[in-house]
C-alpha atoms as a PDB file:
ATOM      1  CA  MET A   1      17.006   2.845 -12.265  1.00  0.00           C
ATOM      2  CA  LYS A   2      20.707   3.092 -12.713  1.00  0.00           C
ATOM      3  CA  ILE A   3      23.616   5.700 -12.793  1.00  0.00           C
ATOM      4  CA  ALA A   4      25.638   6.271 -15.528  1.00  0.00           C
ATOM      5  CA  ILE A   5      28.236   8.505 -16.906  1.00  0.00           C
ATOM      6  CA  LEU A   6      29.111  10.386 -20.447  1.00  0.00           C
ATOM      7  CA  THR A   7      32.467  11.083 -20.808  1.00  0.00           C
ATOM      8  CA  ASP A   8      35.428  10.865 -23.400  1.00  0.00           C
ATOM      9  CA  PRO A   9      37.208   7.662 -23.948  1.00  0.00           C
ATOM     10  CA  LEU A  10      40.348   8.493 -21.952  1.00  0.00           C
ATOM     11  CA  SER A  11      38.415   8.869 -18.921  1.00  0.00           C
ATOM     12  CA  ALA A  12      36.128   5.953 -19.367  1.00  0.00           C
ATOM     13  CA  SER A  13      38.460   3.384 -17.870  1.00  0.00           C
ATOM     14  CA  GLY A  14      38.640   4.600 -14.615  1.00  0.00           C
ATOM     15  CA  TYR A  15      34.607   4.998 -14.098  1.00  0.00           C
ATOM     16  CA  ARG A  16      34.135   1.341 -15.606  1.00  0.00           C
ATOM     17  CA  LEU A  17      36.729   0.126 -12.716  1.00  0.00           C
ATOM     18  CA  GLY A  18      34.225   1.925 -10.203  1.00  0.00           C
ATOM     19  CA  GLY A  19      31.502  -0.001 -11.480  1.00  0.00           C
ATOM     20  CA  ILE A  20      29.463   2.604 -13.249  1.00  0.00           C
ATOM     21  CA  GLU A  21      27.810   2.181 -16.657  1.00  0.00           C
ATOM     22  CA  VAL A  22      29.878   4.186 -19.076  1.00  0.00           C
ATOM     23  CA  PHE A  23      29.049   5.643 -22.337  1.00  0.00           C
ATOM     24  CA  THR A  24      31.856   7.643 -24.218  1.00  0.00           C
ATOM     25  CA  ALA A  25      31.751  10.349 -26.850  1.00  0.00           C
ATOM     26  CA  HIS A  26      34.347  12.211 -28.748  1.00  0.00           C
ATOM     27  CA  ASP A  27      32.941  15.709 -29.178  1.00  0.00           C
ATOM     28  CA  THR A  28      30.030  17.948 -28.157  1.00  0.00           C
ATOM     29  CA  ALA A  29      28.085  16.725 -31.034  1.00  0.00           C
ATOM     30  CA  GLU A  30      28.334  13.139 -30.610  1.00  0.00           C
ATOM     31  CA  ALA A  31      27.818  13.514 -26.784  1.00  0.00           C
ATOM     32  CA  VAL A  32      24.540  15.295 -27.725  1.00  0.00           C
ATOM     33  CA  GLU A  33      23.615  12.510 -29.670  1.00  0.00           C
ATOM     34  CA  VAL A  34      24.623   9.757 -27.012  1.00  0.00           C
ATOM     35  CA  LEU A  35      22.854  11.725 -24.157  1.00  0.00           C
ATOM     36  CA  THR A  36      19.551  12.002 -26.076  1.00  0.00           C
ATOM     37  CA  ARG A  37      19.495   8.262 -26.701  1.00  0.00           C
ATOM     38  CA  MET A  38      20.424   7.800 -23.001  1.00  0.00           C
ATOM     39  CA  VAL A  39      17.591  10.120 -21.713  1.00  0.00           C
ATOM     40  CA  GLN A  40      14.800   8.352 -24.298  1.00  0.00           C
ATOM     41  CA  THR A  41      15.630   5.136 -22.709  1.00  0.00           C
ATOM     42  CA  ASP A  42      13.783   6.063 -19.265  1.00  0.00           C
ATOM     43  CA  GLU A  43      16.720   3.560 -17.614  1.00  0.00           C
ATOM     44  CA  TYR A  44      18.784   6.139 -15.527  1.00  0.00           C
ATOM     45  CA  ALA A  45      17.852   8.221 -12.624  1.00  0.00           C
ATOM     46  CA  LEU A  46      21.363  10.166 -12.688  1.00  0.00           C
ATOM     47  CA  ILE A  47      23.543  10.543 -15.740  1.00  0.00           C
ATOM     48  CA  ILE A  48      26.788  12.206 -15.047  1.00  0.00           C
ATOM     49  CA  VAL A  49      28.193  14.425 -18.020  1.00  0.00           C
ATOM     50  CA  ASN A  50      32.048  15.271 -18.656  1.00  0.00           C
ATOM     51  CA  LEU A  51      31.785  19.033 -18.437  1.00  0.00           C
ATOM     52  CA  ARG A  52      34.150  19.378 -21.134  1.00  0.00           C
ATOM     53  CA  LEU A  53      31.862  17.584 -23.700  1.00  0.00           C
ATOM     54  CA  LEU A  54      28.561  19.359 -22.413  1.00  0.00           C
ATOM     55  CA  PRO A  55      29.024  22.177 -20.144  1.00  0.00           C
ATOM     56  CA  GLU A  56      25.331  22.429 -19.877  1.00  0.00           C
ATOM     57  CA  PRO A  57      23.553  19.094 -20.389  1.00  0.00           C
ATOM     58  CA  TYR A  58      20.090  20.261 -20.063  1.00  0.00           C
ATOM     59  CA  VAL A  59      20.473  22.773 -22.744  1.00  0.00           C
ATOM     60  CA  SER A  60      21.740  20.217 -24.767  1.00  0.00           C
ATOM     61  CA  VAL A  61      18.762  17.686 -24.908  1.00  0.00           C
ATOM     62  CA  ARG A  62      15.982  20.326 -23.547  1.00  0.00           C
ATOM     63  CA  LYS A  63      13.568  18.839 -26.173  1.00  0.00           C
ATOM     64  CA  VAL A  64      14.127  15.296 -24.853  1.00  0.00           C
ATOM     65  CA  MET A  65      13.676  16.046 -21.318  1.00  0.00           C
ATOM     66  CA  ARG A  66      10.268  18.249 -21.769  1.00  0.00           C
ATOM     67  CA  ARG A  67       8.025  16.731 -19.034  1.00  0.00           C
ATOM     68  CA  ARG A  68      10.384  14.463 -17.521  1.00  0.00           C
ATOM     69  CA  GLU A  69      11.878  14.774 -13.990  1.00  0.00           C
ATOM     70  CA  LEU A  70      14.352  11.908 -14.648  1.00  0.00           C
ATOM     71  CA  PRO A  71      17.022  11.373 -15.331  1.00  0.00           C
ATOM     72  CA  ILE A  72      19.108  14.131 -13.368  1.00  0.00           C
ATOM     73  CA  LEU A  73      21.809  15.286 -15.473  1.00  0.00           C
ATOM     74  CA  LEU A  74      25.152  16.587 -13.373  1.00  0.00           C
ATOM     75  CA  ALA A  75      27.861  18.061 -15.046  1.00  0.00           C
ATOM     76  CA  VAL A  76      31.188  17.421 -13.437  1.00  0.00           C
ATOM     77  CA  PRO A  77      34.725  18.297 -14.450  1.00  0.00           C
ATOM     78  CA  PRO A  78      37.069  15.727 -16.246  1.00  0.00           C
ATOM     79  CA  HIS A  79      38.454  13.207 -13.790  1.00  0.00           C
ATOM     80  CA  ARG A  80      42.021  14.813 -14.255  1.00  0.00           C
ATOM     81  CA  GLU A  81      40.814  18.309 -12.864  1.00  0.00           C
ATOM     82  CA  ALA A  82      38.960  16.675  -9.955  1.00  0.00           C
ATOM     83  CA  VAL A  83      41.822  15.042  -8.843  1.00  0.00           C
ATOM     84  CA  HIS A  84      44.212  18.106  -8.937  1.00  0.00           C
ATOM     85  CA  SER A  85      41.738  20.276  -6.769  1.00  0.00           C
ATOM     86  CA  SER A  86      41.949  20.443  -3.480  1.00  0.00           C
ATOM     87  CA  ASP A  87      39.371  18.508  -1.166  1.00  0.00           C
ATOM     88  CA  THR A  88      37.638  21.313  -0.052  1.00  0.00           C
ATOM     89  CA  GLU A  89      37.258  23.187  -3.503  1.00  0.00           C
ATOM     90  CA  ALA A  90      36.087  19.833  -4.791  1.00  0.00           C
ATOM     91  CA  GLU A  91      33.378  19.709  -2.043  1.00  0.00           C
ATOM     92  CA  ILE A  92      32.243  23.035  -2.617  1.00  0.00           C
ATOM     93  CA  TYR A  93      31.906  22.369  -6.320  1.00  0.00           C
ATOM     94  CA  MET A  94      29.929  19.144  -5.897  1.00  0.00           C
ATOM     95  CA  ARG A  95      27.877  20.700  -3.486  1.00  0.00           C
ATOM     96  CA  GLN A  96      26.814  23.587  -5.742  1.00  0.00           C
ATOM     97  CA  LEU A  97      26.313  21.108  -8.852  1.00  0.00           C
ATOM     98  CA  ILE A  98      23.917  18.939  -6.541  1.00  0.00           C
ATOM     99  CA  LYS A  99      22.019  22.067  -5.131  1.00  0.00           C
ATOM    100  CA  GLU A 100      21.403  23.675  -8.603  1.00  0.00           C
ATOM    101  CA  THR A 101      20.740  20.224 -10.016  1.00  0.00           C
ATOM    102  CA  THR A 102      18.201  18.794  -7.393  1.00  0.00           C
ATOM    103  CA  GLY A 103      17.486  21.906  -5.540  1.00  0.00           C
ATOM    104  CA  TYR A 104      18.512  20.059  -2.420  1.00  0.00           C
ATOM    105  CA  GLU A 105      21.759  21.086  -0.564  1.00  0.00           C
ATOM    106  CA  PHE A 106      23.795  17.932   0.475  1.00  0.00           C
ATOM    107  CA  LYS A 107      26.684  17.703   3.317  1.00  0.00           C
ATOM    108  CA  ILE A 108      29.481  15.713   1.313  1.00  0.00           C
END
């Protein structure tokens, strides 16, 4: 199973350089369509979603996710916002998101 990210076209290049499979959407409606297709493929264990496109990705694809344990959907702030926050703030934010999403607490 793979990891992928759903983000806006402007942020996509940076993630591609990092070797992550990238899907893009220009707006919320398109993001819901793309995320639905991604979930239905059963190829991904983790799908990272740009928070600006879909603040609550599980709600957006609730029907498709029914009876599925995977993928885990993780909404993260756009790259520019994450870079400008302090390391401590970013660590706290990511730790909280991971705990809410997986039910486990990780030390980052």
